[in-house]
Amino acid sequence: MPLPRVVVVTGTDTDVGKTVVSAAVTATLLASGRSVAAYKPTQTGVGPADEGDMALVTALTGARTAEGVRLLAPMAPRPAAALEGARLPTLAHHRRAVAALLDAHDVVVVEGAGGLLVELTDEGETLADLAGALPDCGVVLVVRSGLGTLNHTMLTREALSRRGIRQLGIVIGSWPGPPRLPDVIESSNREHLATLPEGLLGAVPRGAPGLGAEVFRTSAAAWLPGLAQRLGTP
């Protein structure tokens, strides 16, 4: 089955590696010859002049990026907005933003904030609601490598399944490398995740965000062999 035109990147929790995986997915799509843009509906923990997650995606991939709203507090969007007395963009606003990017690009990568059910709007709608409202959409799930990740992964997968949202595969957002090698729990988790029906697309090595852009772009497809294979990327 071909990949959808909208790839939503969510995670089992905060700080699991969604941004670097969004960049790696973007780079792999670009390497396949597709034009790609990335969009983050809500960015928290940044000021007006700060570089946010989308700035990192642009720096690593060169792709066009856009944001919905920025909030100062490093917390979930709805309480962060309440602290500032700010209103959050509606789900319709985010749909229009994605549609505008699709007018000029083959694929749009949408990076969520926190986990799948974190509220993105003043009405309490979540990333799951946005994914369900976007046509031709699928979700990449970013997970941790260590203890506890299997339960968190299964809970998020069940939430996606109950909503009828297409699951494109799983990515480990930070895979250990020298000098620290994976422990027995991490290796076992990776083996188990690879047996799930949607498959393990790959794992991004710890420290990848600090790589130079050229190294990142040329390495991304090797980190995500499951995605590269679907795209026919060499």
C-alpha atoms as a PDB file:
ATOM      1  CA  MET A   1       0.000   0.000   0.000  1.00  0.00           C
ATOM      2  CA  PRO A   2       1.454   3.413  -0.945  1.00  0.00           C
ATOM      3  CA  LEU A   3       2.303   5.893   1.755  1.00  0.00           C
ATOM      4  CA  PRO A   4      -0.312   8.582   2.411  1.00  0.00           C
ATOM      5  CA  ARG A   5       0.257  12.231   1.581  1.00  0.00           C
ATOM      6  CA  VAL A   6       0.104  13.231   5.261  1.00  0.00           C
ATOM      7  CA  VAL A   7       2.422  11.489   7.722  1.00  0.00           C
ATOM      8  CA  VAL A   8       1.640  12.327  11.343  1.00  0.00           C
ATOM      9  CA  VAL A   9       4.484  11.688  13.791  1.00  0.00           C
ATOM     10  CA  THR A  10       3.355  11.079  17.356  1.00  0.00           C
ATOM     11  CA  GLY A  11       5.004   9.535  20.384  1.00  0.00           C
ATOM     12  CA  THR A  12       4.236   7.425  23.402  1.00  0.00           C
ATOM     13  CA  ASP A  13       5.257  10.369  25.595  1.00  0.00           C
ATOM     14  CA  THR A  14       7.132  13.645  25.567  1.00  0.00           C
ATOM     15  CA  ASP A  15      10.871  13.701  24.780  1.00  0.00           C
ATOM     16  CA  VAL A  16      10.848  10.368  22.959  1.00  0.00           C
ATOM     17  CA  GLY A  17      12.484  11.774  19.815  1.00  0.00           C
ATOM     18  CA  LYS A  18       9.533  12.967  17.722  1.00  0.00           C
ATOM     19  CA  THR A  19      11.408  15.903  16.216  1.00  0.00           C
ATOM     20  CA  VAL A  20      14.481  13.976  15.109  1.00  0.00           C
ATOM     21  CA  VAL A  21      12.245  11.210  13.757  1.00  0.00           C
ATOM     22  CA  SER A  22      10.178  13.826  11.900  1.00  0.00           C
ATOM     23  CA  ALA A  23      13.436  15.060  10.386  1.00  0.00           C
ATOM     24  CA  ALA A  24      14.563  11.521   9.518  1.00  0.00           C
ATOM     25  CA  VAL A  25      11.201  10.707   7.914  1.00  0.00           C
ATOM     26  CA  THR A  26      11.389  13.978   5.967  1.00  0.00           C
ATOM     27  CA  ALA A  27      14.939  13.249   4.801  1.00  0.00           C
ATOM     28  CA  THR A  28      14.001   9.713   3.729  1.00  0.00           C
ATOM     29  CA  LEU A  29      11.017  11.020   1.771  1.00  0.00           C
ATOM     30  CA  LEU A  30      13.208  13.651   0.107  1.00  0.00           C
ATOM     31  CA  ALA A  31      15.755  10.973  -0.841  1.00  0.00           C
ATOM     32  CA  SER A  32      12.954   9.103  -2.620  1.00  0.00           C
ATOM     33  CA  GLY A  33      12.384  12.106  -4.873  1.00  0.00           C
ATOM     34  CA  ARG A  34       9.294  13.493  -3.172  1.00  0.00           C
ATOM     35  CA  SER A  35       8.851  17.141  -2.243  1.00  0.00           C
ATOM     36  CA  VAL A  36       8.159  17.425   1.489  1.00  0.00           C
ATOM     37  CA  ALA A  37       7.085  20.051   4.009  1.00  0.00           C
ATOM     38  CA  ALA A  38       6.736  19.690   7.781  1.00  0.00           C
ATOM     39  CA  TYR A  39       4.178  21.256  10.120  1.00  0.00           C
ATOM     40  CA  LYS A  40       3.905  21.436  13.911  1.00  0.00           C
ATOM     41  CA  PRO A  41       0.433  22.456  15.093  1.00  0.00           C
ATOM     42  CA  THR A  42       1.581  23.542  18.559  1.00  0.00           C
ATOM     43  CA  GLN A  43       5.080  24.334  19.828  1.00  0.00           C
ATOM     44  CA  THR A  44       5.448  24.850  23.577  1.00  0.00           C
ATOM     45  CA  GLY A  45       8.413  25.904  25.680  1.00  0.00           C
ATOM     46  CA  VAL A  46       9.681  28.502  23.192  1.00  0.00           C
ATOM     47  CA  GLY A  47       9.574  32.274  22.917  1.00  0.00           C
ATOM     48  CA  PRO A  48       8.854  34.306  19.783  1.00  0.00           C
ATOM     49  CA  ALA A  49      12.553  34.550  18.846  1.00  0.00           C
ATOM     50  CA  ASP A  50      13.599  31.045  19.921  1.00  0.00           C
ATOM     51  CA  GLU A  51      14.409  28.267  17.482  1.00  0.00           C
ATOM     52  CA  GLY A  52      11.780  25.575  17.847  1.00  0.00           C
ATOM     53  CA  ASP A  53      11.428  22.008  16.648  1.00  0.00           C
ATOM     54  CA  MET A  54      10.661  22.976  13.072  1.00  0.00           C
ATOM     55  CA  ALA A  55      13.877  24.994  12.896  1.00  0.00           C
ATOM     56  CA  LEU A  56      15.780  21.793  13.655  1.00  0.00           C
ATOM     57  CA  VAL A  57      13.885  19.905  10.938  1.00  0.00           C
ATOM     58  CA  THR A  58      14.764  22.637   8.433  1.00  0.00           C
ATOM     59  CA  ALA A  59      18.412  22.710   9.529  1.00  0.00           C
ATOM     60  CA  LEU A  60      18.792  18.937   9.190  1.00  0.00           C
ATOM     61  CA  THR A  61      16.813  18.436   5.970  1.00  0.00           C
ATOM     62  CA  GLY A  62      16.413  21.753   4.178  1.00  0.00           C
ATOM     63  CA  ALA A  63      12.663  21.189   3.993  1.00  0.00           C
ATOM     64  CA  ARG A  64      10.089  23.943   4.252  1.00  0.00           C
ATOM     65  CA  THR A  65       8.416  24.012   7.672  1.00  0.00           C
ATOM     66  CA  ALA A  66       5.579  25.867   9.392  1.00  0.00           C
ATOM     67  CA  GLU A  67       4.051  26.160  12.870  1.00  0.00           C
ATOM     68  CA  GLY A  68       0.524  26.674  14.128  1.00  0.00           C
ATOM     69  CA  VAL A  69       1.153  28.466  17.434  1.00  0.00           C
ATOM     70  CA  ARG A  70       4.004  29.052  19.902  1.00  0.00           C
ATOM     71  CA  LEU A  71       3.584  29.032  23.680  1.00  0.00           C
ATOM     72  CA  LEU A  72       6.135  29.918  26.355  1.00  0.00           C
ATOM     73  CA  ALA A  73       5.488  27.318  29.051  1.00  0.00           C
ATOM     74  CA  PRO A  74       7.157  23.906  28.514  1.00  0.00           C
ATOM     75  CA  MET A  75       3.973  21.934  29.128  1.00  0.00           C
ATOM     76  CA  ALA A  76       0.927  20.580  27.327  1.00  0.00           C
ATOM     77  CA  PRO A  77      -0.603  23.102  24.899  1.00  0.00           C
ATOM     78  CA  ARG A  78      -3.948  23.692  26.605  1.00  0.00           C
ATOM     79  CA  PRO A  79      -2.604  24.527  30.095  1.00  0.00           C
ATOM     80  CA  ALA A  80       0.293  26.447  28.510  1.00  0.00           C
ATOM     81  CA  ALA A  81      -2.204  28.584  26.598  1.00  0.00           C
ATOM     82  CA  ALA A  82      -4.251  29.135  29.764  1.00  0.00           C
ATOM     83  CA  LEU A  83      -1.193  30.545  31.552  1.00  0.00           C
ATOM     84  CA  GLU A  84      -0.745  33.127  28.793  1.00  0.00           C
ATOM     85  CA  GLY A  85      -4.406  33.830  28.269  1.00  0.00           C
ATOM     86  CA  ALA A  86      -3.926  32.718  24.688  1.00  0.00           C
ATOM     87  CA  ARG A  87      -6.365  30.987  22.387  1.00  0.00           C
ATOM     88  CA  LEU A  88      -5.321  27.871  20.533  1.00  0.00           C
ATOM     89  CA  PRO A  89      -5.911  27.462  16.789  1.00  0.00           C
ATOM     90  CA  THR A  90      -8.901  25.343  15.866  1.00  0.00           C
ATOM     91  CA  LEU A  91      -8.759  21.945  14.237  1.00  0.00           C
ATOM     92  CA  ALA A  92     -10.074  23.582  11.061  1.00  0.00           C
ATOM     93  CA  HIS A  93      -7.135  26.006  11.134  1.00  0.00           C
ATOM     94  CA  HIS A  94      -4.656  23.126  11.273  1.00  0.00           C
ATOM     95  CA  ARG A  95      -6.451  21.317   8.461  1.00  0.00           C
ATOM     96  CA  ARG A  96      -6.229  24.424   6.284  1.00  0.00           C
ATOM     97  CA  ALA A  97      -2.529  24.833   7.092  1.00  0.00           C
ATOM     98  CA  VAL A  98      -1.805  21.241   6.073  1.00  0.00           C
ATOM     99  CA  ALA A  99      -3.921  21.602   2.925  1.00  0.00           C
ATOM    100  CA  ALA A 100      -1.993  24.730   1.915  1.00  0.00           C
ATOM    101  CA  LEU A 101       1.301  22.863   2.256  1.00  0.00           C
ATOM    102  CA  LEU A 102      -0.100  19.931   0.259  1.00  0.00           C
ATOM    103  CA  ASP A 103      -0.901  22.314  -2.591  1.00  0.00           C
ATOM    104  CA  ALA A 104       2.844  22.801  -3.086  1.00  0.00           C
ATOM    105  CA  HIS A 105       4.329  19.488  -1.871  1.00  0.00           C
ATOM    106  CA  ASP A 106       3.860  15.767  -2.366  1.00  0.00           C
ATOM    107  CA  VAL A 107       3.890  14.935   1.357  1.00  0.00           C
ATOM    108  CA  VAL A 108       3.415  16.843   4.614  1.00  0.00           C
ATOM    109  CA  VAL A 109       4.941  15.522   7.836  1.00  0.00           C
ATOM    110  CA  VAL A 110       2.951  16.676  10.887  1.00  0.00           C
ATOM    111  CA  GLU A 111       4.714  16.509  14.262  1.00  0.00           C
ATOM    112  CA  GLY A 112       2.541  16.337  17.343  1.00  0.00           C
ATOM    113  CA  ALA A 113       3.156  17.795  20.793  1.00  0.00           C
ATOM    114  CA  GLY A 114       3.593  15.274  23.599  1.00  0.00           C
ATOM    115  CA  GLY A 115       1.559  12.115  23.095  1.00  0.00           C
ATOM    116  CA  LEU A 116      -1.375  11.182  20.891  1.00  0.00           C
ATOM    117  CA  LEU A 117      -4.128  12.371  23.242  1.00  0.00           C
ATOM    118  CA  VAL A 118      -2.619  15.675  24.377  1.00  0.00           C
ATOM    119  CA  GLU A 119      -5.202  18.400  23.741  1.00  0.00           C
ATOM    120  CA  LEU A 120      -4.314  20.790  20.905  1.00  0.00           C
ATOM    121  CA  THR A 121      -7.392  23.043  20.825  1.00  0.00           C
ATOM    122  CA  ASP A 122      -9.540  25.005  23.251  1.00  0.00           C
ATOM    123  CA  GLU A 123     -12.304  22.503  22.529  1.00  0.00           C
ATOM    124  CA  GLY A 124     -10.125  19.659  23.802  1.00  0.00           C
ATOM    125  CA  GLU A 125      -9.417  18.073  20.425  1.00  0.00           C
ATOM    126  CA  THR A 126      -6.248  16.033  20.209  1.00  0.00           C
ATOM    127  CA  LEU A 127      -3.652  15.001  17.660  1.00  0.00           C
ATOM    128  CA  ALA A 128      -5.712  11.848  17.193  1.00  0.00           C
ATOM    129  CA  ASP A 129      -8.684  14.023  16.234  1.00  0.00           C
ATOM    130  CA  LEU A 130      -6.524  15.966  13.789  1.00  0.00           C
ATOM    131  CA  ALA A 131      -5.163  12.773  12.230  1.00  0.00           C
ATOM    132  CA  GLY A 132      -8.702  11.454  11.895  1.00  0.00           C
ATOM    133  CA  ALA A 133      -9.796  14.672  10.198  1.00  0.00           C
ATOM    134  CA  LEU A 134      -6.987  14.782   7.637  1.00  0.00           C
ATOM    135  CA  PRO A 135      -7.598  12.973   4.342  1.00  0.00           C
ATOM    136  CA  ASP A 136      -5.042  10.405   3.178  1.00  0.00           C
ATOM    137  CA  CYS A 137      -3.245  10.319   6.532  1.00  0.00           C
ATOM    138  CA  GLY A 138      -1.219   7.755   8.467  1.00  0.00           C
ATOM    139  CA  VAL A 139       0.676   7.788  11.756  1.00  0.00           C
ATOM    140  CA  VAL A 140       4.281   6.958  12.599  1.00  0.00           C
ATOM    141  CA  LEU A 141       4.636   6.124  16.291  1.00  0.00           C
ATOM    142  CA  VAL A 142       7.882   7.098  18.052  1.00  0.00           C
ATOM    143  CA  VAL A 143       8.758   5.021  21.113  1.00  0.00           C
ATOM    144  CA  ARG A 144      11.455   4.712  23.738  1.00  0.00           C
ATOM    145  CA  SER A 145      13.958   1.866  23.716  1.00  0.00           C
ATOM    146  CA  GLY A 146      13.917   0.984  27.424  1.00  0.00           C
ATOM    147  CA  LEU A 147      11.778  -0.479  30.164  1.00  0.00           C
ATOM    148  CA  GLY A 148       8.096   0.466  30.009  1.00  0.00           C
ATOM    149  CA  THR A 149       7.985   1.149  26.304  1.00  0.00           C
ATOM    150  CA  LEU A 150       5.987  -1.960  25.403  1.00  0.00           C
ATOM    151  CA  ASN A 151       3.023  -0.955  27.567  1.00  0.00           C
ATOM    152  CA  HIS A 152       3.089   2.648  26.338  1.00  0.00           C
ATOM    153  CA  THR A 153       3.362   1.434  22.755  1.00  0.00           C
ATOM    154  CA  MET A 154       0.410  -0.925  23.081  1.00  0.00           C
ATOM    155  CA  LEU A 155      -1.769   1.757  24.704  1.00  0.00           C
ATOM    156  CA  THR A 156      -1.088   4.211  21.871  1.00  0.00           C
ATOM    157  CA  ARG A 157      -1.597   1.549  19.220  1.00  0.00           C
ATOM    158  CA  GLU A 158      -4.946   0.645  20.769  1.00  0.00           C
ATOM    159  CA  ALA A 159      -6.035   4.292  20.797  1.00  0.00           C
ATOM    160  CA  LEU A 160      -5.143   4.600  17.107  1.00  0.00           C
ATOM    161  CA  SER A 161      -6.875   1.342  16.249  1.00  0.00           C
ATOM    162  CA  ARG A 162     -10.107   2.306  18.054  1.00  0.00           C
ATOM    163  CA  ARG A 163     -10.229   5.504  16.016  1.00  0.00           C
ATOM    164  CA  GLY A 164      -9.585   3.701  12.732  1.00  0.00           C
ATOM    165  CA  ILE A 165      -6.391   5.654  12.061  1.00  0.00           C
ATOM    166  CA  ARG A 166      -3.897   4.003   9.745  1.00  0.00           C
ATOM    167  CA  GLN A 167      -0.660   2.992  11.480  1.00  0.00           C
ATOM    168  CA  LEU A 168       2.403   3.226   9.253  1.00  0.00           C
ATOM    169  CA  GLY A 169       4.942   1.753  11.645  1.00  0.00           C
ATOM    170  CA  ILE A 170       7.055   2.294  14.744  1.00  0.00           C
ATOM    171  CA  VAL A 171      10.383   4.087  15.144  1.00  0.00           C
ATOM    172  CA  ILE A 172      12.645   3.953  18.193  1.00  0.00           C
ATOM    173  CA  GLY A 173      13.478   7.604  18.708  1.00  0.00           C
ATOM    174  CA  SER A 174      16.856   7.231  20.422  1.00  0.00           C
ATOM    175  CA  TRP A 175      18.814   4.017  20.002  1.00  0.00           C
ATOM    176  CA  PRO A 176      21.999   3.671  22.100  1.00  0.00           C
ATOM    177  CA  GLY A 177      25.372   3.409  20.466  1.00  0.00           C
ATOM    178  CA  PRO A 178      29.042   3.400  21.451  1.00  0.00           C
ATOM    179  CA  PRO A 179      30.264   3.745  24.083  1.00  0.00           C
ATOM    180  CA  ARG A 180      26.987   2.470  25.604  1.00  0.00           C
ATOM    181  CA  LEU A 181      25.602  -0.523  23.780  1.00  0.00           C
ATOM    182  CA  PRO A 182      21.938  -1.638  24.005  1.00  0.00           C
ATOM    183  CA  ASP A 183      21.149  -3.637  27.139  1.00  0.00           C
ATOM    184  CA  VAL A 184      19.150  -6.864  27.178  1.00  0.00           C
ATOM    185  CA  ILE A 185      15.850  -5.028  27.799  1.00  0.00           C
ATOM    186  CA  GLU A 186      16.370  -2.668  24.868  1.00  0.00           C
ATOM    187  CA  SER A 187      17.389  -5.481  22.540  1.00  0.00           C
ATOM    188  CA  SER A 188      14.374  -7.554  23.609  1.00  0.00           C
ATOM    189  CA  ASN A 189      12.043  -4.585  23.134  1.00  0.00           C
ATOM    190  CA  ARG A 190      13.377  -3.974  19.639  1.00  0.00           C
ATOM    191  CA  GLU A 191      12.860  -7.613  18.698  1.00  0.00           C
ATOM    192  CA  HIS A 192       9.286  -7.533  20.012  1.00  0.00           C
ATOM    193  CA  LEU A 193       8.393  -4.263  18.285  1.00  0.00           C
ATOM    194  CA  ALA A 194       9.568  -5.742  14.987  1.00  0.00           C
ATOM    195  CA  THR A 195       6.907  -8.491  15.296  1.00  0.00           C
ATOM    196  CA  LEU A 196       3.955  -6.071  15.422  1.00  0.00           C
ATOM    197  CA  PRO A 197       1.708  -6.009  12.339  1.00  0.00           C
ATOM    198  CA  GLU A 198       2.592  -2.465  11.236  1.00  0.00           C
ATOM    199  CA  GLY A 199       6.294  -3.215  11.663  1.00  0.00           C
ATOM    200  CA  LEU A 200       9.351  -1.474  13.027  1.00  0.00           C
ATOM    201  CA  LEU A 201      10.445   1.141  10.505  1.00  0.00           C
ATOM    202  CA  GLY A 202      13.809   1.558  12.208  1.00  0.00           C
ATOM    203  CA  ALA A 203      15.660   3.361  14.979  1.00  0.00           C
ATOM    204  CA  VAL A 204      17.370   6.743  15.042  1.00  0.00           C
ATOM    205  CA  PRO A 205      20.743   6.682  16.823  1.00  0.00           C
ATOM    206  CA  ARG A 206      21.230   8.714  19.959  1.00  0.00           C
ATOM    207  CA  GLY A 207      23.034  11.939  19.091  1.00  0.00           C
ATOM    208  CA  ALA A 208      21.591  12.172  15.567  1.00  0.00           C
ATOM    209  CA  PRO A 209      20.308  15.745  16.080  1.00  0.00           C
ATOM    210  CA  GLY A 210      23.902  16.882  16.564  1.00  0.00           C
ATOM    211  CA  LEU A 211      25.106  15.540  13.229  1.00  0.00           C
ATOM    212  CA  GLY A 212      25.824  17.846  10.339  1.00  0.00           C
ATOM    213  CA  ALA A 213      23.014  18.266   7.846  1.00  0.00           C
ATOM    214  CA  GLU A 214      24.761  16.384   5.024  1.00  0.00           C
ATOM    215  CA  VAL A 215      25.540  13.370   7.229  1.00  0.00           C
ATOM    216  CA  PHE A 216      21.999  13.385   8.611  1.00  0.00           C
ATOM    217  CA  ARG A 217      20.386  13.513   5.184  1.00  0.00           C
ATOM    218  CA  THR A 218      22.513  10.743   3.722  1.00  0.00           C
ATOM    219  CA  SER A 219      22.084   8.507   6.795  1.00  0.00           C
ATOM    220  CA  ALA A 220      18.350   8.817   7.444  1.00  0.00           C
ATOM    221  CA  ALA A 221      17.209   6.127   5.014  1.00  0.00           C
ATOM    222  CA  ALA A 222      19.635   3.634   6.589  1.00  0.00           C
ATOM    223  CA  TRP A 223      18.179   4.396  10.027  1.00  0.00           C
ATOM    224  CA  LEU A 224      14.655   3.819   8.706  1.00  0.00           C
ATOM    225  CA  PRO A 225      15.034   0.820   6.396  1.00  0.00           C
ATOM    226  CA  GLY A 226      11.370  -0.140   6.742  1.00  0.00           C
ATOM    227  CA  LEU A 227      10.293   3.251   5.425  1.00  0.00           C
ATOM    228  CA  ALA A 228      12.997   3.410   2.774  1.00  0.00           C
ATOM    229  CA  GLN A 229      11.961   0.005   1.445  1.00  0.00           C
ATOM    230  CA  ARG A 230       8.340   1.107   1.086  1.00  0.00           C
ATOM    231  CA  LEU A 231       9.476   4.217  -0.779  1.00  0.00           C
ATOM    232  CA  GLY A 232      11.917   2.373  -3.011  1.00  0.00           C
ATOM    233  CA  THR A 233      14.816   4.469  -1.718  1.00  0.00           C
ATOM    234  CA  PRO A 234      18.228   2.972  -2.528  1.00  0.00           C
END
